[in-house]
Amino acid sequence: MEKPLRILRVIARIWGGLIIVFLTVMFLGNLFMPGEGAGPTTKEFIGFLFIPIGLIAGLALAFKYELIGGTITVVSFIIFCLYQRLFDVSDFAFYLSPIFLAMVFPGALYVIYGLFARID
C-alpha cells in the first residue's frame, strides 16, 4: 500500500502547488488591481479569508503536514460554501462549479493520504 500512497501524495503536491500559484496570482491581481469600485466589501473580505487565503494556507501547510493542511483546506472550503449560502442573495451556487471543486480536491487527497498514512 506504500506505493499508491506515495503516488497519491505526489498528485496532491503537484495539483496543490498549481492551485497555490493560481490562487496567489488571482489574489494579488485582485488586491493590487481591484478594477472599478472602492475595493472589496466587508462581506467579500470575509469570503477572502476562506478562499483564497484559507486554501493557500492549508495547501502550503499540507506539503509538510498532510492531514492538518488538507483538513484546513477542506474545512475552509466548507465554511466558505456555508458563508456564501447564508449571506449571498443570488441563487447561483458558483462555489460548486468545477473550478472551485478542483481547487479543494488536493486538500481532500491530502486528508485521504494523511488518514491512510496513520494506519500504516
PDB file of N, CA and C in Angstrom:
ATOM      1  N   MET A   1       0.824  -1.200   0.000  1.00  0.00           N
ATOM      2  CA  MET A   1       0.000   0.000   0.000  1.00  0.00           C
ATOM      3  C   MET A   1       0.867   1.262   0.000  1.00  0.00           C
ATOM      4  N   GLU A   2       2.142   1.105   0.194  1.00  0.00           N
ATOM      5  CA  GLU A   2       3.007   2.278   0.293  1.00  0.00           C
ATOM      6  C   GLU A   2       3.151   3.008  -1.044  1.00  0.00           C
ATOM      7  N   LYS A   3       3.260   2.264  -2.154  1.00  0.00           N
ATOM      8  CA  LYS A   3       3.430   2.920  -3.455  1.00  0.00           C
ATOM      9  C   LYS A   3       2.193   3.726  -3.858  1.00  0.00           C
ATOM     10  N   PRO A   4       0.970   3.190  -3.714  1.00  0.00           N
ATOM     11  CA  PRO A   4      -0.205   4.021  -4.035  1.00  0.00           C
ATOM     12  C   PRO A   4      -0.294   5.278  -3.167  1.00  0.00           C
ATOM     13  N   LEU A   5       0.132   5.176  -1.917  1.00  0.00           N
ATOM     14  CA  LEU A   5       0.117   6.357  -1.054  1.00  0.00           C
ATOM     15  C   LEU A   5       1.104   7.408  -1.532  1.00  0.00           C
ATOM     16  N   ARG A   6       2.275   6.963  -1.960  1.00  0.00           N
ATOM     17  CA  ARG A   6       3.264   7.914  -2.479  1.00  0.00           C
ATOM     18  C   ARG A   6       2.756   8.593  -3.748  1.00  0.00           C
ATOM     19  N   ILE A   7       2.119   7.813  -4.615  1.00  0.00           N
ATOM     20  CA  ILE A   7       1.555   8.379  -5.846  1.00  0.00           C
ATOM     21  C   ILE A   7       0.465   9.395  -5.509  1.00  0.00           C
ATOM     22  N   LEU A   8      -0.382   9.059  -4.542  1.00  0.00           N
ATOM     23  CA  LEU A   8      -1.435   9.969  -4.102  1.00  0.00           C
ATOM     24  C   LEU A   8      -0.847  11.278  -3.575  1.00  0.00           C
ATOM     25  N   ARG A   9       0.219  11.181  -2.794  1.00  0.00           N
ATOM     26  CA  ARG A   9       0.864  12.378  -2.239  1.00  0.00           C
ATOM     27  C   ARG A   9       1.511  13.217  -3.343  1.00  0.00           C
ATOM     28  N   VAL A  10       2.136  12.566  -4.317  1.00  0.00           N
ATOM     29  CA  VAL A  10       2.754  13.307  -5.426  1.00  0.00           C
ATOM     30  C   VAL A  10       1.690  14.046  -6.239  1.00  0.00           C
ATOM     31  N   ILE A  11       0.583  13.378  -6.532  1.00  0.00           N
ATOM     32  CA  ILE A  11      -0.509  14.030  -7.269  1.00  0.00           C
ATOM     33  C   ILE A  11      -1.035  15.222  -6.480  1.00  0.00           C
ATOM     34  N   ALA A  12      -1.242  15.030  -5.176  1.00  0.00           N
ATOM     35  CA  ALA A  12      -1.746  16.122  -4.336  1.00  0.00           C
ATOM     36  C   ALA A  12      -0.758  17.279  -4.289  1.00  0.00           C
ATOM     37  N   ARG A  13       0.533  16.983  -4.224  1.00  0.00           N
ATOM     38  CA  ARG A  13       1.535  18.054  -4.163  1.00  0.00           C
ATOM     39  C   ARG A  13       1.617  18.833  -5.477  1.00  0.00           C
ATOM     40  N   ILE A  14       1.608  18.135  -6.600  1.00  0.00           N
ATOM     41  CA  ILE A  14       1.671  18.830  -7.894  1.00  0.00           C
ATOM     42  C   ILE A  14       0.413  19.673  -8.101  1.00  0.00           C
ATOM     43  N   TRP A  15      -0.736  19.041  -7.905  1.00  0.00           N
ATOM     44  CA  TRP A  15      -2.005  19.737  -8.088  1.00  0.00           C
ATOM     45  C   TRP A  15      -2.118  20.896  -7.092  1.00  0.00           C
ATOM     46  N   GLY A  16      -1.758  20.650  -5.841  1.00  0.00           N
ATOM     47  CA  GLY A  16      -1.816  21.692  -4.823  1.00  0.00           C
ATOM     48  C   GLY A  16      -0.878  22.843  -5.127  1.00  0.00           C
ATOM     49  N   GLY A  17       0.312  22.538  -5.619  1.00  0.00           N
ATOM     50  CA  GLY A  17       1.255  23.593  -5.989  1.00  0.00           C
ATOM     51  C   GLY A  17       0.713  24.473  -7.097  1.00  0.00           C
ATOM     52  N   LEU A  18       0.082  23.855  -8.087  1.00  0.00           N
ATOM     53  CA  LEU A  18      -0.520  24.631  -9.178  1.00  0.00           C
ATOM     54  C   LEU A  18      -1.664  25.508  -8.671  1.00  0.00           C
ATOM     55  N   ILE A  19      -2.447  24.976  -7.755  1.00  0.00           N
ATOM     56  CA  ILE A  19      -3.553  25.746  -7.184  1.00  0.00           C
ATOM     57  C   ILE A  19      -3.021  26.914  -6.359  1.00  0.00           C
ATOM     58  N   ILE A  20      -1.940  26.686  -5.595  1.00  0.00           N
ATOM     59  CA  ILE A  20      -1.336  27.773  -4.811  1.00  0.00           C
ATOM     60  C   ILE A  20      -0.880  28.902  -5.731  1.00  0.00           C
ATOM     61  N   VAL A  21      -0.210  28.549  -6.822  1.00  0.00           N
ATOM     62  CA  VAL A  21       0.251  29.573  -7.770  1.00  0.00           C
ATOM     63  C   VAL A  21      -0.944  30.314  -8.374  1.00  0.00           C
ATOM     64  N   PHE A  22      -1.946  29.575  -8.819  1.00  0.00           N
ATOM     65  CA  PHE A  22      -3.133  30.180  -9.421  1.00  0.00           C
ATOM     66  C   PHE A  22      -3.830  31.124  -8.447  1.00  0.00           C
ATOM     67  N   LEU A  23      -4.076  30.657  -7.214  1.00  0.00           N
ATOM     68  CA  LEU A  23      -4.778  31.485  -6.238  1.00  0.00           C
ATOM     69  C   LEU A  23      -3.965  32.705  -5.829  1.00  0.00           C
ATOM     70  N   THR A  24      -2.657  32.537  -5.716  1.00  0.00           N
ATOM     71  CA  THR A  24      -1.806  33.667  -5.349  1.00  0.00           C
ATOM     72  C   THR A  24      -1.840  34.744  -6.427  1.00  0.00           C
ATOM     73  N   VAL A  25      -1.731  34.336  -7.682  1.00  0.00           N
ATOM     74  CA  VAL A  25      -1.790  35.304  -8.785  1.00  0.00           C
ATOM     75  C   VAL A  25      -3.154  36.000  -8.812  1.00  0.00           C
ATOM     76  N   MET A  26      -4.222  35.242  -8.660  1.00  0.00           N
ATOM     77  CA  MET A  26      -5.559  35.832  -8.672  1.00  0.00           C
ATOM     78  C   MET A  26      -5.759  36.778  -7.490  1.00  0.00           C
ATOM     79  N   PHE A  27      -5.301  36.368  -6.306  1.00  0.00           N
ATOM     80  CA  PHE A  27      -5.464  37.189  -5.107  1.00  0.00           C
ATOM     81  C   PHE A  27      -4.667  38.482  -5.220  1.00  0.00           C
ATOM     82  N   LEU A  28      -3.417  38.383  -5.647  1.00  0.00           N
ATOM     83  CA  LEU A  28      -2.590  39.582  -5.781  1.00  0.00           C
ATOM     84  C   LEU A  28      -3.127  40.503  -6.873  1.00  0.00           C
ATOM     85  N   GLY A  29      -3.609  39.926  -7.953  1.00  0.00           N
ATOM     86  CA  GLY A  29      -4.212  40.733  -9.005  1.00  0.00           C
ATOM     87  C   GLY A  29      -5.436  41.478  -8.515  1.00  0.00           C
ATOM     88  N   ASN A  30      -6.252  40.817  -7.723  1.00  0.00           N
ATOM     89  CA  ASN A  30      -7.449  41.450  -7.177  1.00  0.00           C
ATOM     90  C   ASN A  30      -7.087  42.480  -6.110  1.00  0.00           C
ATOM     91  N   LEU A  31      -6.023  42.225  -5.381  1.00  0.00           N
ATOM     92  CA  LEU A  31      -5.603  43.121  -4.309  1.00  0.00           C
ATOM     93  C   LEU A  31      -5.026  44.419  -4.860  1.00  0.00           C
ATOM     94  N   PHE A  32      -4.172  44.312  -5.883  1.00  0.00           N
ATOM     95  CA  PHE A  32      -3.493  45.489  -6.404  1.00  0.00           C
ATOM     96  C   PHE A  32      -4.191  46.133  -7.599  1.00  0.00           C
ATOM     97  N   MET A  33      -5.061  45.387  -8.271  1.00  0.00           N
ATOM     98  CA  MET A  33      -5.816  45.933  -9.394  1.00  0.00           C
ATOM     99  C   MET A  33      -7.285  45.566  -9.236  1.00  0.00           C
ATOM    100  N   PRO A  34      -7.973  46.169  -8.276  1.00  0.00           N
ATOM    101  CA  PRO A  34      -9.345  45.751  -7.991  1.00  0.00           C
ATOM    102  C   PRO A  34     -10.350  46.100  -9.075  1.00  0.00           C
ATOM    103  N   GLY A  35      -9.970  46.911 -10.042  1.00  0.00           N
ATOM    104  CA  GLY A  35     -10.917  47.281 -11.094  1.00  0.00           C
ATOM    105  C   GLY A  35     -11.745  48.469 -10.651  1.00  0.00           C
ATOM    106  N   GLU A  36     -13.005  48.453 -11.006  1.00  0.00           N
ATOM    107  CA  GLU A  36     -13.880  49.567 -10.659  1.00  0.00           C
ATOM    108  C   GLU A  36     -14.387  49.416  -9.238  1.00  0.00           C
ATOM    109  N   GLY A  37     -14.707  50.524  -8.623  1.00  0.00           N
ATOM    110  CA  GLY A  37     -15.259  50.488  -7.284  1.00  0.00           C
ATOM    111  C   GLY A  37     -14.210  50.799  -6.235  1.00  0.00           C
ATOM    112  N   ALA A  38     -14.646  50.763  -5.003  1.00  0.00           N
ATOM    113  CA  ALA A  38     -13.787  51.150  -3.884  1.00  0.00           C
ATOM    114  C   ALA A  38     -13.025  49.978  -3.291  1.00  0.00           C
ATOM    115  N   GLY A  39     -13.073  48.832  -3.899  1.00  0.00           N
ATOM    116  CA  GLY A  39     -12.392  47.666  -3.351  1.00  0.00           C
ATOM    117  C   GLY A  39     -13.392  46.687  -2.767  1.00  0.00           C
ATOM    118  N   PRO A  40     -12.881  45.652  -2.127  1.00  0.00           N
ATOM    119  CA  PRO A  40     -13.787  44.623  -1.612  1.00  0.00           C
ATOM    120  C   PRO A  40     -14.641  45.129  -0.450  1.00  0.00           C
ATOM    121  N   THR A  41     -15.873  44.664  -0.423  1.00  0.00           N
ATOM    122  CA  THR A  41     -16.753  44.971   0.696  1.00  0.00           C
ATOM    123  C   THR A  41     -16.375  44.093   1.875  1.00  0.00           C
ATOM    124  N   THR A  42     -16.978  44.345   3.018  1.00  0.00           N
ATOM    125  CA  THR A  42     -16.700  43.539   4.208  1.00  0.00           C
ATOM    126  C   THR A  42     -17.078  42.085   3.963  1.00  0.00           C
ATOM    127  N   LYS A  43     -18.209  41.872   3.307  1.00  0.00           N
ATOM    128  CA  LYS A  43     -18.651  40.508   3.005  1.00  0.00           C
ATOM    129  C   LYS A  43     -17.655  39.797   2.099  1.00  0.00           C
ATOM    130  N   GLU A  44     -17.153  40.507   1.089  1.00  0.00           N
ATOM    131  CA  GLU A  44     -16.164  39.907   0.188  1.00  0.00           C
ATOM    132  C   GLU A  44     -14.849  39.643   0.914  1.00  0.00           C
ATOM    133  N   PHE A  45     -14.463  40.544   1.790  1.00  0.00           N
ATOM    134  CA  PHE A  45     -13.223  40.359   2.540  1.00  0.00           C
ATOM    135  C   PHE A  45     -13.305  39.130   3.437  1.00  0.00           C
ATOM    136  N   ILE A  46     -14.443  38.918   4.080  1.00  0.00           N
ATOM    137  CA  ILE A  46     -14.615  37.722   4.916  1.00  0.00           C
ATOM    138  C   ILE A  46     -14.539  36.471   4.045  1.00  0.00           C
ATOM    139  N   GLY A  47     -15.126  36.525   2.858  1.00  0.00           N
ATOM    140  CA  GLY A  47     -15.011  35.402   1.924  1.00  0.00           C
ATOM    141  C   GLY A  47     -13.572  35.145   1.516  1.00  0.00           C
ATOM    142  N   PHE A  48     -12.769  36.232   1.374  1.00  0.00           N
ATOM    143  CA  PHE A  48     -11.343  36.097   1.037  1.00  0.00           C
ATOM    144  C   PHE A  48     -10.565  35.366   2.125  1.00  0.00           C
ATOM    145  N   LEU A  49     -11.040  35.428   3.357  1.00  0.00           N
ATOM    146  CA  LEU A  49     -10.337  34.725   4.430  1.00  0.00           C
ATOM    147  C   LEU A  49     -10.374  33.213   4.220  1.00  0.00           C
ATOM    148  N   PHE A  50     -11.425  32.724   3.596  1.00  0.00           N
ATOM    149  CA  PHE A  50     -11.558  31.283   3.378  1.00  0.00           C
ATOM    150  C   PHE A  50     -10.999  30.869   2.023  1.00  0.00           C
ATOM    151  N   ILE A  51     -11.386  31.608   0.973  1.00  0.00           N
ATOM    152  CA  ILE A  51     -10.835  31.379  -0.364  1.00  0.00           C
ATOM    153  C   ILE A  51     -10.413  32.739  -0.862  1.00  0.00           C
ATOM    154  N   PRO A  52      -9.210  32.981  -1.109  1.00  0.00           N
ATOM    155  CA  PRO A  52      -8.068  32.115  -1.333  1.00  0.00           C
ATOM    156  C   PRO A  52      -7.150  31.915  -0.128  1.00  0.00           C
ATOM    157  N   ILE A  53      -7.257  32.759   0.906  1.00  0.00           N
ATOM    158  CA  ILE A  53      -6.276  32.706   1.990  1.00  0.00           C
ATOM    159  C   ILE A  53      -6.296  31.360   2.706  1.00  0.00           C
ATOM    160  N   GLY A  54      -7.479  30.859   3.048  1.00  0.00           N
ATOM    161  CA  GLY A  54      -7.575  29.571   3.736  1.00  0.00           C
ATOM    162  C   GLY A  54      -7.054  28.417   2.895  1.00  0.00           C
ATOM    163  N   LEU A  55      -7.368  28.435   1.604  1.00  0.00           N
ATOM    164  CA  LEU A  55      -6.886  27.366   0.725  1.00  0.00           C
ATOM    165  C   LEU A  55      -5.376  27.431   0.537  1.00  0.00           C
ATOM    166  N   ILE A  56      -4.841  28.633   0.345  1.00  0.00           N
ATOM    167  CA  ILE A  56      -3.391  28.765   0.175  1.00  0.00           C
ATOM    168  C   ILE A  56      -2.669  28.302   1.434  1.00  0.00           C
ATOM    169  N   ALA A  57      -3.142  28.745   2.597  1.00  0.00           N
ATOM    170  CA  ALA A  57      -2.500  28.353   3.857  1.00  0.00           C
ATOM    171  C   ALA A  57      -2.586  26.842   4.072  1.00  0.00           C
ATOM    172  N   GLY A  58      -3.760  26.265   3.823  1.00  0.00           N
ATOM    173  CA  GLY A  58      -3.928  24.829   4.008  1.00  0.00           C
ATOM    174  C   GLY A  58      -3.076  24.004   3.062  1.00  0.00           C
ATOM    175  N   LEU A  59      -3.066  24.383   1.797  1.00  0.00           N
ATOM    176  CA  LEU A  59      -2.275  23.629   0.819  1.00  0.00           C
ATOM    177  C   LEU A  59      -0.784  23.790   1.060  1.00  0.00           C
ATOM    178  N   ALA A  60      -0.360  24.980   1.468  1.00  0.00           N
ATOM    179  CA  ALA A  60       1.065  25.177   1.770  1.00  0.00           C
ATOM    180  C   ALA A  60       1.471  24.361   2.989  1.00  0.00           C
ATOM    181  N   LEU A  61       0.632  24.338   4.005  1.00  0.00           N
ATOM    182  CA  LEU A  61       0.927  23.554   5.210  1.00  0.00           C
ATOM    183  C   LEU A  61       0.919  22.058   4.912  1.00  0.00           C
ATOM    184  N   ALA A  62       0.097  21.646   3.957  1.00  0.00           N
ATOM    185  CA  ALA A  62      -0.021  20.226   3.619  1.00  0.00           C
ATOM    186  C   ALA A  62       1.246  19.656   2.994  1.00  0.00           C
ATOM    187  N   PHE A  63       2.129  20.505   2.484  1.00  0.00           N
ATOM    188  CA  PHE A  63       3.393  19.994   1.951  1.00  0.00           C
ATOM    189  C   PHE A  63       4.210  19.327   3.051  1.00  0.00           C
ATOM    190  N   LYS A  64       4.086  19.809   4.287  1.00  0.00           N
ATOM    191  CA  LYS A  64       4.835  19.238   5.409  1.00  0.00           C
ATOM    192  C   LYS A  64       3.942  18.354   6.280  1.00  0.00           C
ATOM    193  N   TYR A  65       2.742  18.850   6.586  1.00  0.00           N
ATOM    194  CA  TYR A  65       1.798  18.140   7.451  1.00  0.00           C
ATOM    195  C   TYR A  65       0.523  17.875   6.653  1.00  0.00           C
ATOM    196  N   GLU A  66       0.484  16.728   6.006  1.00  0.00           N
ATOM    197  CA  GLU A  66      -0.575  16.436   5.041  1.00  0.00           C
ATOM    198  C   GLU A  66      -1.972  16.484   5.648  1.00  0.00           C
ATOM    199  N   LEU A  67      -2.167  15.804   6.776  1.00  0.00           N
ATOM    200  CA  LEU A  67      -3.502  15.705   7.352  1.00  0.00           C
ATOM    201  C   LEU A  67      -3.994  17.060   7.861  1.00  0.00           C
ATOM    202  N   ILE A  68      -3.139  17.797   8.535  1.00  0.00           N
ATOM    203  CA  ILE A  68      -3.533  19.100   9.076  1.00  0.00           C
ATOM    204  C   ILE A  68      -3.813  20.090   7.939  1.00  0.00           C
ATOM    205  N   GLY A  69      -2.907  20.181   6.988  1.00  0.00           N
ATOM    206  CA  GLY A  69      -3.092  21.110   5.874  1.00  0.00           C
ATOM    207  C   GLY A  69      -4.288  20.760   5.013  1.00  0.00           C
ATOM    208  N   GLY A  70      -4.466  19.472   4.741  1.00  0.00           N
ATOM    209  CA  GLY A  70      -5.620  19.051   3.957  1.00  0.00           C
ATOM    210  C   GLY A  70      -6.930  19.345   4.665  1.00  0.00           C
ATOM    211  N   THR A  71      -6.938  19.141   5.990  1.00  0.00           N
ATOM    212  CA  THR A  71      -8.138  19.439   6.769  1.00  0.00           C
ATOM    213  C   THR A  71      -8.442  20.932   6.746  1.00  0.00           C
ATOM    214  N   ILE A  72      -7.414  21.764   6.894  1.00  0.00           N
ATOM    215  CA  ILE A  72      -7.621  23.216   6.828  1.00  0.00           C
ATOM    216  C   ILE A  72      -8.191  23.608   5.465  1.00  0.00           C
ATOM    217  N   THR A  73      -7.683  23.004   4.406  1.00  0.00           N
ATOM    218  CA  THR A  73      -8.163  23.309   3.057  1.00  0.00           C
ATOM    219  C   THR A  73      -9.632  22.940   2.900  1.00  0.00           C
ATOM    220  N   VAL A  74      -9.985  21.725   3.286  1.00  0.00           N
ATOM    221  CA  VAL A  74     -11.360  21.251   3.119  1.00  0.00           C
ATOM    222  C   VAL A  74     -12.323  22.030   4.015  1.00  0.00           C
ATOM    223  N   VAL A  75     -11.938  22.247   5.270  1.00  0.00           N
ATOM    224  CA  VAL A  75     -12.806  22.981   6.197  1.00  0.00           C
ATOM    225  C   VAL A  75     -12.978  24.432   5.741  1.00  0.00           C
ATOM    226  N   SER A  76     -11.917  25.036   5.258  1.00  0.00           N
ATOM    227  CA  SER A  76     -12.000  26.405   4.750  1.00  0.00           C
ATOM    228  C   SER A  76     -12.991  26.491   3.589  1.00  0.00           C
ATOM    229  N   PHE A  77     -12.956  25.517   2.698  1.00  0.00           N
ATOM    230  CA  PHE A  77     -13.885  25.490   1.572  1.00  0.00           C
ATOM    231  C   PHE A  77     -15.322  25.289   2.054  1.00  0.00           C
ATOM    232  N   ILE A  78     -15.528  24.396   3.007  1.00  0.00           N
ATOM    233  CA  ILE A  78     -16.879  24.138   3.525  1.00  0.00           C
ATOM    234  C   ILE A  78     -17.437  25.384   4.208  1.00  0.00           C
ATOM    235  N   ILE A  79     -16.610  26.054   5.018  1.00  0.00           N
ATOM    236  CA  ILE A  79     -17.063  27.279   5.681  1.00  0.00           C
ATOM    237  C   ILE A  79     -17.385  28.353   4.643  1.00  0.00           C
ATOM    238  N   PHE A  80     -16.561  28.456   3.604  1.00  0.00           N
ATOM    239  CA  PHE A  80     -16.830  29.416   2.533  1.00  0.00           C
ATOM    240  C   PHE A  80     -18.173  29.118   1.867  1.00  0.00           C
ATOM    241  N   CYS A  81     -18.441  27.849   1.579  1.00  0.00           N
ATOM    242  CA  CYS A  81     -19.715  27.473   0.952  1.00  0.00           C
ATOM    243  C   CYS A  81     -20.895  27.834   1.851  1.00  0.00           C
ATOM    244  N   LEU A  82     -20.774  27.525   3.146  1.00  0.00           N
ATOM    245  CA  LEU A  82     -21.844  27.863   4.087  1.00  0.00           C
ATOM    246  C   LEU A  82     -22.023  29.374   4.194  1.00  0.00           C
ATOM    247  N   TYR A  83     -20.911  30.085   4.256  1.00  0.00           N
ATOM    248  CA  TYR A  83     -20.961  31.549   4.341  1.00  0.00           C
ATOM    249  C   TYR A  83     -21.644  32.137   3.110  1.00  0.00           C
ATOM    250  N   GLN A  84     -21.278  31.669   1.934  1.00  0.00           N
ATOM    251  CA  GLN A  84     -21.895  32.165   0.702  1.00  0.00           C
ATOM    252  C   GLN A  84     -23.376  31.813   0.651  1.00  0.00           C
ATOM    253  N   ARG A  85     -23.708  30.630   1.107  1.00  0.00           N
ATOM    254  CA  ARG A  85     -25.109  30.192   1.071  1.00  0.00           C
ATOM    255  C   ARG A  85     -25.967  31.022   2.027  1.00  0.00           C
ATOM    256  N   LEU A  86     -25.405  31.353   3.189  1.00  0.00           N
ATOM    257  CA  LEU A  86     -26.169  32.103   4.180  1.00  0.00           C
ATOM    258  C   LEU A  86     -26.292  33.590   3.844  1.00  0.00           C
ATOM    259  N   PHE A  87     -25.240  34.189   3.279  1.00  0.00           N
ATOM    260  CA  PHE A  87     -25.207  35.635   3.123  1.00  0.00           C
ATOM    261  C   PHE A  87     -25.242  36.124   1.679  1.00  0.00           C
ATOM    262  N   ASP A  88     -25.330  35.253   0.719  1.00  0.00           N
ATOM    263  CA  ASP A  88     -25.399  35.674  -0.675  1.00  0.00           C
ATOM    264  C   ASP A  88     -26.854  35.660  -1.120  1.00  0.00           C
ATOM    265  N   VAL A  89     -27.250  36.707  -1.807  1.00  0.00           N
ATOM    266  CA  VAL A  89     -28.646  36.807  -2.215  1.00  0.00           C
ATOM    267  C   VAL A  89     -28.937  36.082  -3.528  1.00  0.00           C
ATOM    268  N   SER A  90     -27.912  35.778  -4.296  1.00  0.00           N
ATOM    269  CA  SER A  90     -28.153  35.107  -5.576  1.00  0.00           C
ATOM    270  C   SER A  90     -28.389  33.614  -5.365  1.00  0.00           C
ATOM    271  N   ASP A  91     -29.129  33.030  -6.279  1.00  0.00           N
ATOM    272  CA  ASP A  91     -29.416  31.600  -6.199  1.00  0.00           C
ATOM    273  C   ASP A  91     -28.342  30.754  -6.856  1.00  0.00           C
ATOM    274  N   PHE A  92     -27.420  31.385  -7.558  1.00  0.00           N
ATOM    275  CA  PHE A  92     -26.374  30.663  -8.281  1.00  0.00           C
ATOM    276  C   PHE A  92     -25.261  30.254  -7.322  1.00  0.00           C
ATOM    277  N   ALA A  93     -25.066  28.964  -7.151  1.00  0.00           N
ATOM    278  CA  ALA A  93     -24.027  28.442  -6.253  1.00  0.00           C
ATOM    279  C   ALA A  93     -22.725  28.290  -7.038  1.00  0.00           C
ATOM    280  N   PHE A  94     -22.036  29.422  -7.281  1.00  0.00           N
ATOM    281  CA  PHE A  94     -20.808  29.408  -8.083  1.00  0.00           C
ATOM    282  C   PHE A  94     -19.706  28.589  -7.430  1.00  0.00           C
ATOM    283  N   TYR A  95     -19.744  28.454  -6.119  1.00  0.00           N
ATOM    284  CA  TYR A  95     -18.711  27.721  -5.401  1.00  0.00           C
ATOM    285  C   TYR A  95     -18.784  26.219  -5.645  1.00  0.00           C
ATOM    286  N   LEU A  96     -19.826  25.741  -6.273  1.00  0.00           N
ATOM    287  CA  LEU A  96     -19.920  24.325  -6.629  1.00  0.00           C
ATOM    288  C   LEU A  96     -19.531  24.080  -8.085  1.00  0.00           C
ATOM    289  N   SER A  97     -18.984  25.097  -8.735  1.00  0.00           N
ATOM    290  CA  SER A  97     -18.531  24.934 -10.115  1.00  0.00           C
ATOM    291  C   SER A  97     -17.265  24.080 -10.136  1.00  0.00           C
ATOM    292  N   PRO A  98     -16.951  23.478 -11.267  1.00  0.00           N
ATOM    293  CA  PRO A  98     -15.780  22.592 -11.339  1.00  0.00           C
ATOM    294  C   PRO A  98     -14.465  23.255 -10.932  1.00  0.00           C
ATOM    295  N   ILE A  99     -14.290  24.550 -11.211  1.00  0.00           N
ATOM    296  CA  ILE A  99     -13.023  25.193 -10.858  1.00  0.00           C
ATOM    297  C   ILE A  99     -12.858  25.278  -9.342  1.00  0.00           C
ATOM    298  N   PHE A 100     -13.928  25.554  -8.616  1.00  0.00           N
ATOM    299  CA  PHE A 100     -13.827  25.608  -7.162  1.00  0.00           C
ATOM    300  C   PHE A 100     -13.622  24.217  -6.578  1.00  0.00           C
ATOM    301  N   LEU A 101     -14.304  23.233  -7.128  1.00  0.00           N
ATOM    302  CA  LEU A 101     -14.113  21.866  -6.646  1.00  0.00           C
ATOM    303  C   LEU A 101     -12.710  21.366  -6.963  1.00  0.00           C
ATOM    304  N   ALA A 102     -12.156  21.788  -8.098  1.00  0.00           N
ATOM    305  CA  ALA A 102     -10.782  21.407  -8.445  1.00  0.00           C
ATOM    306  C   ALA A 102      -9.778  22.043  -7.493  1.00  0.00           C
ATOM    307  N   MET A 103     -10.112  23.216  -6.949  1.00  0.00           N
ATOM    308  CA  MET A 103      -9.202  23.876  -6.012  1.00  0.00           C
ATOM    309  C   MET A 103      -9.152  23.169  -4.668  1.00  0.00           C
ATOM    310  N   VAL A 104     -10.246  22.560  -4.262  1.00  0.00           N
ATOM    311  CA  VAL A 104     -10.273  21.903  -2.954  1.00  0.00           C
ATOM    312  C   VAL A 104      -9.869  20.427  -3.049  1.00  0.00           C
ATOM    313  N   PHE A 105      -9.866  19.868  -4.244  1.00  0.00           N
ATOM    314  CA  PHE A 105      -9.570  18.442  -4.418  1.00  0.00           C
ATOM    315  C   PHE A 105      -8.206  18.019  -3.864  1.00  0.00           C
ATOM    316  N   PRO A 106      -7.120  18.793  -4.059  1.00  0.00           N
ATOM    317  CA  PRO A 106      -5.843  18.373  -3.464  1.00  0.00           C
ATOM    318  C   PRO A 106      -5.917  18.286  -1.943  1.00  0.00           C
ATOM    319  N   GLY A 107      -6.705  19.161  -1.331  1.00  0.00           N
ATOM    320  CA  GLY A 107      -6.882  19.088   0.121  1.00  0.00           C
ATOM    321  C   GLY A 107      -7.530  17.775   0.529  1.00  0.00           C
ATOM    322  N   ALA A 108      -8.524  17.336  -0.244  1.00  0.00           N
ATOM    323  CA  ALA A 108      -9.163  16.051   0.040  1.00  0.00           C
ATOM    324  C   ALA A 108      -8.173  14.900  -0.149  1.00  0.00           C
ATOM    325  N   LEU A 109      -7.322  14.997  -1.176  1.00  0.00           N
ATOM    326  CA  LEU A 109      -6.297  13.964  -1.375  1.00  0.00           C
ATOM    327  C   LEU A 109      -5.321  13.924  -0.204  1.00  0.00           C
ATOM    328  N   TYR A 110      -4.940  15.097   0.305  1.00  0.00           N
ATOM    329  CA  TYR A 110      -4.051  15.145   1.468  1.00  0.00           C
ATOM    330  C   TYR A 110      -4.705  14.520   2.696  1.00  0.00           C
ATOM    331  N   VAL A 111      -5.994  14.755   2.883  1.00  0.00           N
ATOM    332  CA  VAL A 111      -6.700  14.153   4.020  1.00  0.00           C
ATOM    333  C   VAL A 111      -6.712  12.638   3.880  1.00  0.00           C
ATOM    334  N   ILE A 112      -7.023  12.143   2.692  1.00  0.00           N
ATOM    335  CA  ILE A 112      -7.023  10.695   2.458  1.00  0.00           C
ATOM    336  C   ILE A 112      -5.636  10.125   2.706  1.00  0.00           C
ATOM    337  N   TYR A 113      -4.610  10.787   2.165  1.00  0.00           N
ATOM    338  CA  TYR A 113      -3.235  10.330   2.382  1.00  0.00           C
ATOM    339  C   TYR A 113      -2.895  10.326   3.869  1.00  0.00           C
ATOM    340  N   GLY A 114      -3.223  11.406   4.561  1.00  0.00           N
ATOM    341  CA  GLY A 114      -2.895  11.505   5.983  1.00  0.00           C
ATOM    342  C   GLY A 114      -3.565  10.430   6.816  1.00  0.00           C
ATOM    343  N   LEU A 115      -4.809  10.121   6.505  1.00  0.00           N
ATOM    344  CA  LEU A 115      -5.516   9.078   7.260  1.00  0.00           C
ATOM    345  C   LEU A 115      -4.924   7.699   6.995  1.00  0.00           C
ATOM    346  N   PHE A 116      -4.659   7.385   5.732  1.00  0.00           N
ATOM    347  CA  PHE A 116      -4.079   6.080   5.417  1.00  0.00           C
ATOM    348  C   PHE A 116      -2.639   5.958   5.893  1.00  0.00           C
ATOM    349  N   ALA A 117      -1.894   7.051   5.896  1.00  0.00           N
ATOM    350  CA  ALA A 117      -0.515   7.011   6.387  1.00  0.00           C
ATOM    351  C   ALA A 117      -0.485   6.734   7.884  1.00  0.00           C
ATOM    352  N   ARG A 118      -1.483   7.200   8.608  1.00  0.00           N
ATOM    353  CA  ARG A 118      -1.558   6.917  10.049  1.00  0.00           C
ATOM    354  C   ARG A 118      -1.852   5.445  10.313  1.00  0.00           C
ATOM    355  N   ILE A 119      -2.618   4.832   9.418  1.00  0.00           N
ATOM    356  CA  ILE A 119      -2.957   3.413   9.585  1.00  0.00           C
ATOM    357  C   ILE A 119      -1.728   2.543   9.364  1.00  0.00           C
ATOM    358  N   ASP A 120      -0.915   2.911   8.356  1.00  0.00           N
ATOM    359  CA  ASP A 120       0.276   2.100   8.039  1.00  0.00           C
ATOM    360  C   ASP A 120       1.303   2.202   9.084  1.00  0.00           C
TER     361      ASP A 120
END
